[in-house]
């Protein structure tokens, strides 16, 4: 299954969620491939890789290199990875002139996706041609969203894009649900937004705002392995278990 982690807003734990879900699935014995299509290469860095240290990366993939040559192998705690690259920003400009540009990633992953239980795509924090490629390739999308009012309102724009993708490119695309992130129970706005989310959306998990959740980078490890006793690690394990049950 291909799962995209998407939100057009930054700072919502989108990459943190992609990393910890991917590592968590790996720890559950699933074969996982992470694909970093964010020009900032945040997922690649979080996994302990230097983005510019690899000649074959997501740019190579989207320019026609066979996916198998672009994959860097992990281990029992680290999923396989197609690294991101800061060169994606320039490549994105080139993609706009290509035929069927929204399906480039889908075609590129076709030969390897069946070799994995899960392919997890970390999207850029904007509704760009790269995000559209991820949604066109995905079976489902999971949306990390902060529990503040403006972030919640921003969901409508992303959901409209998803509907467009469903109508024009990928009718099988489904929204798996929302991860309510950086939640602070003492903040009235957060409590009200979370209540609205739970009433109107399918919330698959809550990640509270803690120092462990917001740090992000743990020497190339996910918090789920680096700080397994932390509350955020437990919250991500629950989300992982939900995903496994959902696709069983």
C-alpha atoms as a PDB file:
ATOM      1  CA  UNK A   1       0.000   0.000   0.000  1.00  0.00           C
ATOM      2  CA  UNK A   2       1.209   3.501  -0.829  1.00  0.00           C
ATOM      3  CA  UNK A   3       0.471   6.023   1.937  1.00  0.00           C
ATOM      4  CA  UNK A   4       1.140   9.749   1.531  1.00  0.00           C
ATOM      5  CA  UNK A   5       1.736  12.011   4.532  1.00  0.00           C
ATOM      6  CA  UNK A   6       0.452  15.365   3.325  1.00  0.00           C
ATOM      7  CA  UNK A   7      -0.426  18.855   4.483  1.00  0.00           C
ATOM      8  CA  UNK A   8       0.196  22.131   2.692  1.00  0.00           C
ATOM      9  CA  UNK A   9       1.177  23.784   5.991  1.00  0.00           C
ATOM     10  CA  UNK A  10       4.577  23.334   7.571  1.00  0.00           C
ATOM     11  CA  UNK A  11       5.292  22.663  11.229  1.00  0.00           C
ATOM     12  CA  UNK A  12       2.522  20.094  11.655  1.00  0.00           C
ATOM     13  CA  UNK A  13       4.768  17.030  12.300  1.00  0.00           C
ATOM     14  CA  UNK A  14       4.208  15.778   8.765  1.00  0.00           C
ATOM     15  CA  UNK A  15       7.757  14.484   8.349  1.00  0.00           C
ATOM     16  CA  UNK A  16       7.945  13.315  11.968  1.00  0.00           C
ATOM     17  CA  UNK A  17       4.754  11.352  11.384  1.00  0.00           C
ATOM     18  CA  UNK A  18       6.015   9.808   8.138  1.00  0.00           C
ATOM     19  CA  UNK A  19       9.278   8.790   9.827  1.00  0.00           C
ATOM     20  CA  UNK A  20       7.742   7.306  12.971  1.00  0.00           C
ATOM     21  CA  UNK A  21       4.972   5.514  11.104  1.00  0.00           C
ATOM     22  CA  UNK A  22       7.532   4.047   8.711  1.00  0.00           C
ATOM     23  CA  UNK A  23       9.903   2.951  11.465  1.00  0.00           C
ATOM     24  CA  UNK A  24       7.001   1.700  13.583  1.00  0.00           C
ATOM     25  CA  UNK A  25       5.729  -0.454  10.734  1.00  0.00           C
ATOM     26  CA  UNK A  26       9.260  -1.762  10.221  1.00  0.00           C
ATOM     27  CA  UNK A  27       9.423  -2.750  13.900  1.00  0.00           C
ATOM     28  CA  UNK A  28       6.146  -4.617  13.436  1.00  0.00           C
ATOM     29  CA  UNK A  29       7.824  -6.770  10.801  1.00  0.00           C
ATOM     30  CA  UNK A  30       6.505  -4.935   7.752  1.00  0.00           C
ATOM     31  CA  UNK A  31       8.658  -4.230   4.714  1.00  0.00           C
ATOM     32  CA  UNK A  32       8.661  -0.463   4.285  1.00  0.00           C
ATOM     33  CA  UNK A  33       9.988   2.009   1.712  1.00  0.00           C
ATOM     34  CA  UNK A  34      10.161   5.717   2.536  1.00  0.00           C
ATOM     35  CA  UNK A  35      10.101   8.186  -0.360  1.00  0.00           C
ATOM     36  CA  UNK A  36      11.173  11.769   0.359  1.00  0.00           C
ATOM     37  CA  UNK A  37       9.743  14.180  -2.212  1.00  0.00           C
ATOM     38  CA  UNK A  38      10.218  17.332  -0.132  1.00  0.00           C
ATOM     39  CA  UNK A  39      12.914  19.638  -1.623  1.00  0.00           C
ATOM     40  CA  UNK A  40      14.029  20.338   1.957  1.00  0.00           C
ATOM     41  CA  UNK A  41      14.842  16.602   2.289  1.00  0.00           C
ATOM     42  CA  UNK A  42      13.727  16.701   5.922  1.00  0.00           C
ATOM     43  CA  UNK A  43      12.847  13.007   6.072  1.00  0.00           C
ATOM     44  CA  UNK A  44      16.204  12.035   4.590  1.00  0.00           C
ATOM     45  CA  UNK A  45      18.040  14.120   7.191  1.00  0.00           C
ATOM     46  CA  UNK A  46      15.860  12.784  10.015  1.00  0.00           C
ATOM     47  CA  UNK A  47      16.761   9.243   8.963  1.00  0.00           C
ATOM     48  CA  UNK A  48      20.461  10.071   9.300  1.00  0.00           C
ATOM     49  CA  UNK A  49      21.354  10.489   5.632  1.00  0.00           C
ATOM     50  CA  UNK A  50      23.102  13.424   3.980  1.00  0.00           C
ATOM     51  CA  UNK A  51      20.828  14.335   1.040  1.00  0.00           C
ATOM     52  CA  UNK A  52      23.617  15.364  -1.307  1.00  0.00           C
ATOM     53  CA  UNK A  53      25.685  12.296  -0.492  1.00  0.00           C
ATOM     54  CA  UNK A  54      23.818  10.129  -2.991  1.00  0.00           C
ATOM     55  CA  UNK A  55      23.934  10.347  -6.765  1.00  0.00           C
ATOM     56  CA  UNK A  56      20.754   8.305  -7.050  1.00  0.00           C
ATOM     57  CA  UNK A  57      17.852   9.861  -5.219  1.00  0.00           C
ATOM     58  CA  UNK A  58      14.287  10.986  -5.789  1.00  0.00           C
ATOM     59  CA  UNK A  59      15.419  13.336  -8.578  1.00  0.00           C
ATOM     60  CA  UNK A  60      16.971  10.383 -10.401  1.00  0.00           C
ATOM     61  CA  UNK A  61      13.740   8.453  -9.878  1.00  0.00           C
ATOM     62  CA  UNK A  62      11.553  11.170 -11.356  1.00  0.00           C
ATOM     63  CA  UNK A  63      13.919  11.657 -14.296  1.00  0.00           C
ATOM     64  CA  UNK A  64      13.520   8.016 -15.309  1.00  0.00           C
ATOM     65  CA  UNK A  65      16.105   6.062 -13.311  1.00  0.00           C
ATOM     66  CA  UNK A  66      14.685   2.633 -12.346  1.00  0.00           C
ATOM     67  CA  UNK A  67      13.357   2.774  -8.791  1.00  0.00           C
ATOM     68  CA  UNK A  68      15.406  -0.226  -7.710  1.00  0.00           C
ATOM     69  CA  UNK A  69      18.623   1.703  -8.371  1.00  0.00           C
ATOM     70  CA  UNK A  70      17.465   4.664  -6.252  1.00  0.00           C
ATOM     71  CA  UNK A  71      16.649   2.710  -3.094  1.00  0.00           C
ATOM     72  CA  UNK A  72      19.072   2.767  -0.161  1.00  0.00           C
ATOM     73  CA  UNK A  73      18.607  -0.278   2.016  1.00  0.00           C
ATOM     74  CA  UNK A  74      17.748  -0.096   5.688  1.00  0.00           C
ATOM     75  CA  UNK A  75      17.714  -2.748   8.405  1.00  0.00           C
ATOM     76  CA  UNK A  76      15.313  -4.136  10.996  1.00  0.00           C
ATOM     77  CA  UNK A  77      14.877  -0.667  12.550  1.00  0.00           C
ATOM     78  CA  UNK A  78      15.295   1.517   9.471  1.00  0.00           C
ATOM     79  CA  UNK A  79      13.079   1.240   6.405  1.00  0.00           C
ATOM     80  CA  UNK A  80      14.486   1.403   2.905  1.00  0.00           C
ATOM     81  CA  UNK A  81      14.664   4.968   1.598  1.00  0.00           C
ATOM     82  CA  UNK A  82      14.639   6.864  -1.668  1.00  0.00           C
ATOM     83  CA  UNK A  83      16.442  10.015  -0.464  1.00  0.00           C
ATOM     84  CA  UNK A  84      15.266  13.517  -1.113  1.00  0.00           C
ATOM     85  CA  UNK A  85      17.388  16.220  -2.709  1.00  0.00           C
ATOM     86  CA  UNK A  86      17.499  20.004  -2.681  1.00  0.00           C
ATOM     87  CA  UNK A  87      17.713  19.715  -6.475  1.00  0.00           C
ATOM     88  CA  UNK A  88      14.017  18.807  -6.436  1.00  0.00           C
ATOM     89  CA  UNK A  89      13.166  22.507  -6.381  1.00  0.00           C
ATOM     90  CA  UNK A  90      14.778  22.964  -9.804  1.00  0.00           C
ATOM     91  CA  UNK A  91      13.376  19.684 -11.091  1.00  0.00           C
ATOM     92  CA  UNK A  92       9.891  20.771 -10.096  1.00  0.00           C
ATOM     93  CA  UNK A  93      10.102  23.606 -12.614  1.00  0.00           C
ATOM     94  CA  UNK A  94      10.989  21.113 -15.360  1.00  0.00           C
ATOM     95  CA  UNK A  95       8.116  18.799 -14.464  1.00  0.00           C
ATOM     96  CA  UNK A  96       5.504  21.428 -15.285  1.00  0.00           C
ATOM     97  CA  UNK A  97       6.247  21.078 -19.016  1.00  0.00           C
ATOM     98  CA  UNK A  98       6.159  17.278 -19.154  1.00  0.00           C
ATOM     99  CA  UNK A  99       3.261  15.227 -20.449  1.00  0.00           C
ATOM    100  CA  UNK A 100       1.139  13.499 -17.784  1.00  0.00           C
ATOM    101  CA  UNK A 101       3.307  15.273 -15.216  1.00  0.00           C
ATOM    102  CA  UNK A 102       0.987  14.381 -12.329  1.00  0.00           C
ATOM    103  CA  UNK A 103       1.623  10.651 -12.881  1.00  0.00           C
ATOM    104  CA  UNK A 104       5.434  10.661 -13.001  1.00  0.00           C
ATOM    105  CA  UNK A 105       5.872   9.316  -9.463  1.00  0.00           C
ATOM    106  CA  UNK A 106       3.125   6.731  -9.861  1.00  0.00           C
ATOM    107  CA  UNK A 107       4.823   5.312 -12.947  1.00  0.00           C
ATOM    108  CA  UNK A 108       8.245   5.463 -11.301  1.00  0.00           C
ATOM    109  CA  UNK A 109       7.127   3.384  -8.302  1.00  0.00           C
ATOM    110  CA  UNK A 110       5.187   0.840 -10.331  1.00  0.00           C
ATOM    111  CA  UNK A 111       8.002  -1.720 -10.496  1.00  0.00           C
ATOM    112  CA  UNK A 112       8.829  -1.734  -6.767  1.00  0.00           C
ATOM    113  CA  UNK A 113       5.618  -1.030  -4.863  1.00  0.00           C
ATOM    114  CA  UNK A 114       4.547  -4.680  -4.789  1.00  0.00           C
ATOM    115  CA  UNK A 115       7.850  -5.593  -3.124  1.00  0.00           C
ATOM    116  CA  UNK A 116       6.795  -3.662  -0.011  1.00  0.00           C
ATOM    117  CA  UNK A 117       3.977  -3.878   2.495  1.00  0.00           C
ATOM    118  CA  UNK A 118       4.000  -0.084   2.754  1.00  0.00           C
ATOM    119  CA  UNK A 119       5.453   2.722   0.663  1.00  0.00           C
ATOM    120  CA  UNK A 120       5.270   5.980   2.623  1.00  0.00           C
ATOM    121  CA  UNK A 121       5.689   9.272   0.774  1.00  0.00           C
ATOM    122  CA  UNK A 122       6.623  12.423   2.684  1.00  0.00           C
ATOM    123  CA  UNK A 123       5.196  15.393   0.774  1.00  0.00           C
ATOM    124  CA  UNK A 124       6.388  19.002   0.647  1.00  0.00           C
ATOM    125  CA  UNK A 125       4.536  21.542   2.831  1.00  0.00           C
ATOM    126  CA  UNK A 126       2.668  23.037  -0.114  1.00  0.00           C
ATOM    127  CA  UNK A 127       0.175  21.972  -2.753  1.00  0.00           C
ATOM    128  CA  UNK A 128       2.785  21.698  -5.504  1.00  0.00           C
ATOM    129  CA  UNK A 129       3.168  19.396  -8.505  1.00  0.00           C
ATOM    130  CA  UNK A 130       5.242  17.168  -6.204  1.00  0.00           C
ATOM    131  CA  UNK A 131       2.378  16.825  -3.720  1.00  0.00           C
ATOM    132  CA  UNK A 132      -0.017  16.173  -6.590  1.00  0.00           C
ATOM    133  CA  UNK A 133       2.331  13.421  -7.811  1.00  0.00           C
ATOM    134  CA  UNK A 134       2.291  11.841  -4.357  1.00  0.00           C
ATOM    135  CA  UNK A 135      -1.503  11.922  -4.157  1.00  0.00           C
ATOM    136  CA  UNK A 136      -1.810  10.528  -7.676  1.00  0.00           C
ATOM    137  CA  UNK A 137       0.461   7.627  -6.691  1.00  0.00           C
ATOM    138  CA  UNK A 138      -1.063   6.925  -3.273  1.00  0.00           C
ATOM    139  CA  UNK A 139      -3.725   4.471  -2.211  1.00  0.00           C
ATOM    140  CA  UNK A 140      -4.439   6.491   0.917  1.00  0.00           C
ATOM    141  CA  UNK A 141      -3.401   9.782   2.467  1.00  0.00           C
ATOM    142  CA  UNK A 142      -2.901  10.540   6.136  1.00  0.00           C
ATOM    143  CA  UNK A 143      -3.052  14.195   7.179  1.00  0.00           C
ATOM    144  CA  UNK A 144      -1.129  15.463  10.215  1.00  0.00           C
ATOM    145  CA  UNK A 145      -2.866  18.657  11.346  1.00  0.00           C
ATOM    146  CA  UNK A 146      -2.142  20.959  14.277  1.00  0.00           C
ATOM    147  CA  UNK A 147      -5.018  21.507  16.662  1.00  0.00           C
ATOM    148  CA  UNK A 148      -5.212  25.256  16.138  1.00  0.00           C
ATOM    149  CA  UNK A 149      -7.959  27.067  14.275  1.00  0.00           C
ATOM    150  CA  UNK A 150      -5.988  28.222  11.227  1.00  0.00           C
ATOM    151  CA  UNK A 151      -4.463  24.792  10.647  1.00  0.00           C
ATOM    152  CA  UNK A 152      -7.887  23.197  10.916  1.00  0.00           C
ATOM    153  CA  UNK A 153      -9.359  25.678   8.419  1.00  0.00           C
ATOM    154  CA  UNK A 154      -6.516  24.846   6.044  1.00  0.00           C
ATOM    155  CA  UNK A 155      -7.755  21.254   5.807  1.00  0.00           C
ATOM    156  CA  UNK A 156     -10.485  22.371   3.414  1.00  0.00           C
ATOM    157  CA  UNK A 157      -7.947  23.415   0.765  1.00  0.00           C
ATOM    158  CA  UNK A 158      -6.108  20.088   0.981  1.00  0.00           C
ATOM    159  CA  UNK A 159      -9.349  18.113   0.867  1.00  0.00           C
ATOM    160  CA  UNK A 160     -10.418  20.053  -2.226  1.00  0.00           C
ATOM    161  CA  UNK A 161      -7.141  19.107  -3.923  1.00  0.00           C
ATOM    162  CA  UNK A 162      -7.693  15.480  -2.921  1.00  0.00           C
ATOM    163  CA  UNK A 163     -11.182  15.574  -4.462  1.00  0.00           C
ATOM    164  CA  UNK A 164      -9.698  16.952  -7.688  1.00  0.00           C
ATOM    165  CA  UNK A 165      -7.141  14.132  -7.746  1.00  0.00           C
ATOM    166  CA  UNK A 166      -9.908  11.592  -7.140  1.00  0.00           C
ATOM    167  CA  UNK A 167     -11.983  12.977 -10.009  1.00  0.00           C
ATOM    168  CA  UNK A 168      -9.213  13.488 -12.556  1.00  0.00           C
ATOM    169  CA  UNK A 169      -6.330  11.136 -11.830  1.00  0.00           C
ATOM    170  CA  UNK A 170      -6.702   8.663  -8.975  1.00  0.00           C
ATOM    171  CA  UNK A 171     -10.305   7.654  -8.240  1.00  0.00           C
ATOM    172  CA  UNK A 172      -9.115   5.004  -5.751  1.00  0.00           C
ATOM    173  CA  UNK A 173      -7.424   7.543  -3.455  1.00  0.00           C
ATOM    174  CA  UNK A 174      -8.877   7.566   0.060  1.00  0.00           C
ATOM    175  CA  UNK A 175      -8.293   9.710   3.126  1.00  0.00           C
ATOM    176  CA  UNK A 176      -7.199   7.333   5.883  1.00  0.00           C
ATOM    177  CA  UNK A 177      -7.686  10.025   8.499  1.00  0.00           C
ATOM    178  CA  UNK A 178      -6.276  12.932  10.456  1.00  0.00           C
ATOM    179  CA  UNK A 179      -3.463  12.869  13.000  1.00  0.00           C
ATOM    180  CA  UNK A 180      -4.219  15.680  15.455  1.00  0.00           C
ATOM    181  CA  UNK A 181      -0.763  17.029  16.287  1.00  0.00           C
ATOM    182  CA  UNK A 182       0.879  19.309  18.847  1.00  0.00           C
ATOM    183  CA  UNK A 183      -2.227  19.153  21.015  1.00  0.00           C
ATOM    184  CA  UNK A 184      -2.182  21.076  24.314  1.00  0.00           C
ATOM    185  CA  UNK A 185      -5.084  20.217  26.585  1.00  0.00           C
ATOM    186  CA  UNK A 186      -4.733  23.449  28.566  1.00  0.00           C
ATOM    187  CA  UNK A 187      -5.232  25.594  25.462  1.00  0.00           C
ATOM    188  CA  UNK A 188      -8.942  26.303  24.962  1.00  0.00           C
ATOM    189  CA  UNK A 189      -8.550  26.742  21.205  1.00  0.00           C
ATOM    190  CA  UNK A 190      -6.935  23.314  20.950  1.00  0.00           C
ATOM    191  CA  UNK A 191      -9.731  21.619  22.891  1.00  0.00           C
ATOM    192  CA  UNK A 192     -12.373  23.223  20.685  1.00  0.00           C
ATOM    193  CA  UNK A 193     -10.547  22.369  17.460  1.00  0.00           C
ATOM    194  CA  UNK A 194      -9.957  18.769  18.539  1.00  0.00           C
ATOM    195  CA  UNK A 195     -13.650  18.416  19.373  1.00  0.00           C
ATOM    196  CA  UNK A 196     -14.582  19.765  15.924  1.00  0.00           C
ATOM    197  CA  UNK A 197     -12.060  17.427  14.272  1.00  0.00           C
ATOM    198  CA  UNK A 198     -13.465  14.411  16.068  1.00  0.00           C
ATOM    199  CA  UNK A 199     -17.012  15.370  15.103  1.00  0.00           C
ATOM    200  CA  UNK A 200     -16.349  16.135  11.426  1.00  0.00           C
ATOM    201  CA  UNK A 201     -13.193  14.193  10.512  1.00  0.00           C
ATOM    202  CA  UNK A 202     -11.817  10.710  11.123  1.00  0.00           C
ATOM    203  CA  UNK A 203      -9.092  11.246  13.723  1.00  0.00           C
ATOM    204  CA  UNK A 204      -6.755   8.233  13.802  1.00  0.00           C
ATOM    205  CA  UNK A 205      -4.500   9.488  16.572  1.00  0.00           C
ATOM    206  CA  UNK A 206      -3.471  12.402  18.767  1.00  0.00           C
ATOM    207  CA  UNK A 207       0.144  13.509  19.206  1.00  0.00           C
ATOM    208  CA  UNK A 208       0.497  15.865  22.139  1.00  0.00           C
ATOM    209  CA  UNK A 209       2.897  18.791  22.192  1.00  0.00           C
ATOM    210  CA  UNK A 210       5.935  17.680  24.180  1.00  0.00           C
ATOM    211  CA  UNK A 211       9.649  18.358  23.933  1.00  0.00           C
ATOM    212  CA  UNK A 212      10.168  14.859  22.539  1.00  0.00           C
ATOM    213  CA  UNK A 213       7.536  15.436  19.845  1.00  0.00           C
ATOM    214  CA  UNK A 214       8.871  18.790  18.671  1.00  0.00           C
ATOM    215  CA  UNK A 215      12.605  17.999  18.703  1.00  0.00           C
ATOM    216  CA  UNK A 216      12.288  16.070  15.452  1.00  0.00           C
ATOM    217  CA  UNK A 217      15.906  14.991  14.855  1.00  0.00           C
ATOM    218  CA  UNK A 218      17.355  12.172  16.978  1.00  0.00           C
ATOM    219  CA  UNK A 219      20.784  11.302  15.536  1.00  0.00           C
ATOM    220  CA  UNK A 220      19.278   9.523  12.549  1.00  0.00           C
ATOM    221  CA  UNK A 221      16.635   7.687  14.562  1.00  0.00           C
ATOM    222  CA  UNK A 222      12.904   8.085  14.969  1.00  0.00           C
ATOM    223  CA  UNK A 223      11.674   9.040  18.428  1.00  0.00           C
ATOM    224  CA  UNK A 224       9.803   5.726  18.465  1.00  0.00           C
ATOM    225  CA  UNK A 225      13.179   3.937  18.760  1.00  0.00           C
ATOM    226  CA  UNK A 226      15.371   6.661  20.295  1.00  0.00           C
ATOM    227  CA  UNK A 227      12.916   7.453  23.104  1.00  0.00           C
ATOM    228  CA  UNK A 228      10.636   4.386  23.194  1.00  0.00           C
ATOM    229  CA  UNK A 229       9.327   5.259  26.675  1.00  0.00           C
ATOM    230  CA  UNK A 230       8.297   8.787  25.671  1.00  0.00           C
ATOM    231  CA  UNK A 231       4.592   9.552  25.441  1.00  0.00           C
ATOM    232  CA  UNK A 232       4.919  10.539  21.784  1.00  0.00           C
ATOM    233  CA  UNK A 233       6.447   7.143  20.975  1.00  0.00           C
ATOM    234  CA  UNK A 234       3.435   5.425  22.524  1.00  0.00           C
ATOM    235  CA  UNK A 235       1.108   7.681  20.527  1.00  0.00           C
ATOM    236  CA  UNK A 236       2.829   6.792  17.263  1.00  0.00           C
ATOM    237  CA  UNK A 237       2.768   3.083  18.106  1.00  0.00           C
ATOM    238  CA  UNK A 238      -1.008   3.351  18.493  1.00  0.00           C
ATOM    239  CA  UNK A 239      -1.251   5.030  15.080  1.00  0.00           C
ATOM    240  CA  UNK A 240       0.915   2.298  13.548  1.00  0.00           C
ATOM    241  CA  UNK A 241      -1.320  -0.391  15.027  1.00  0.00           C
ATOM    242  CA  UNK A 242      -4.365   1.397  13.622  1.00  0.00           C
ATOM    243  CA  UNK A 243      -2.820   1.505  10.139  1.00  0.00           C
ATOM    244  CA  UNK A 244      -1.962  -2.200  10.231  1.00  0.00           C
ATOM    245  CA  UNK A 245      -5.508  -3.030  11.305  1.00  0.00           C
ATOM    246  CA  UNK A 246      -6.972  -0.697   8.670  1.00  0.00           C
ATOM    247  CA  UNK A 247      -5.232  -2.405   5.764  1.00  0.00           C
ATOM    248  CA  UNK A 248      -5.487  -5.972   7.063  1.00  0.00           C
END
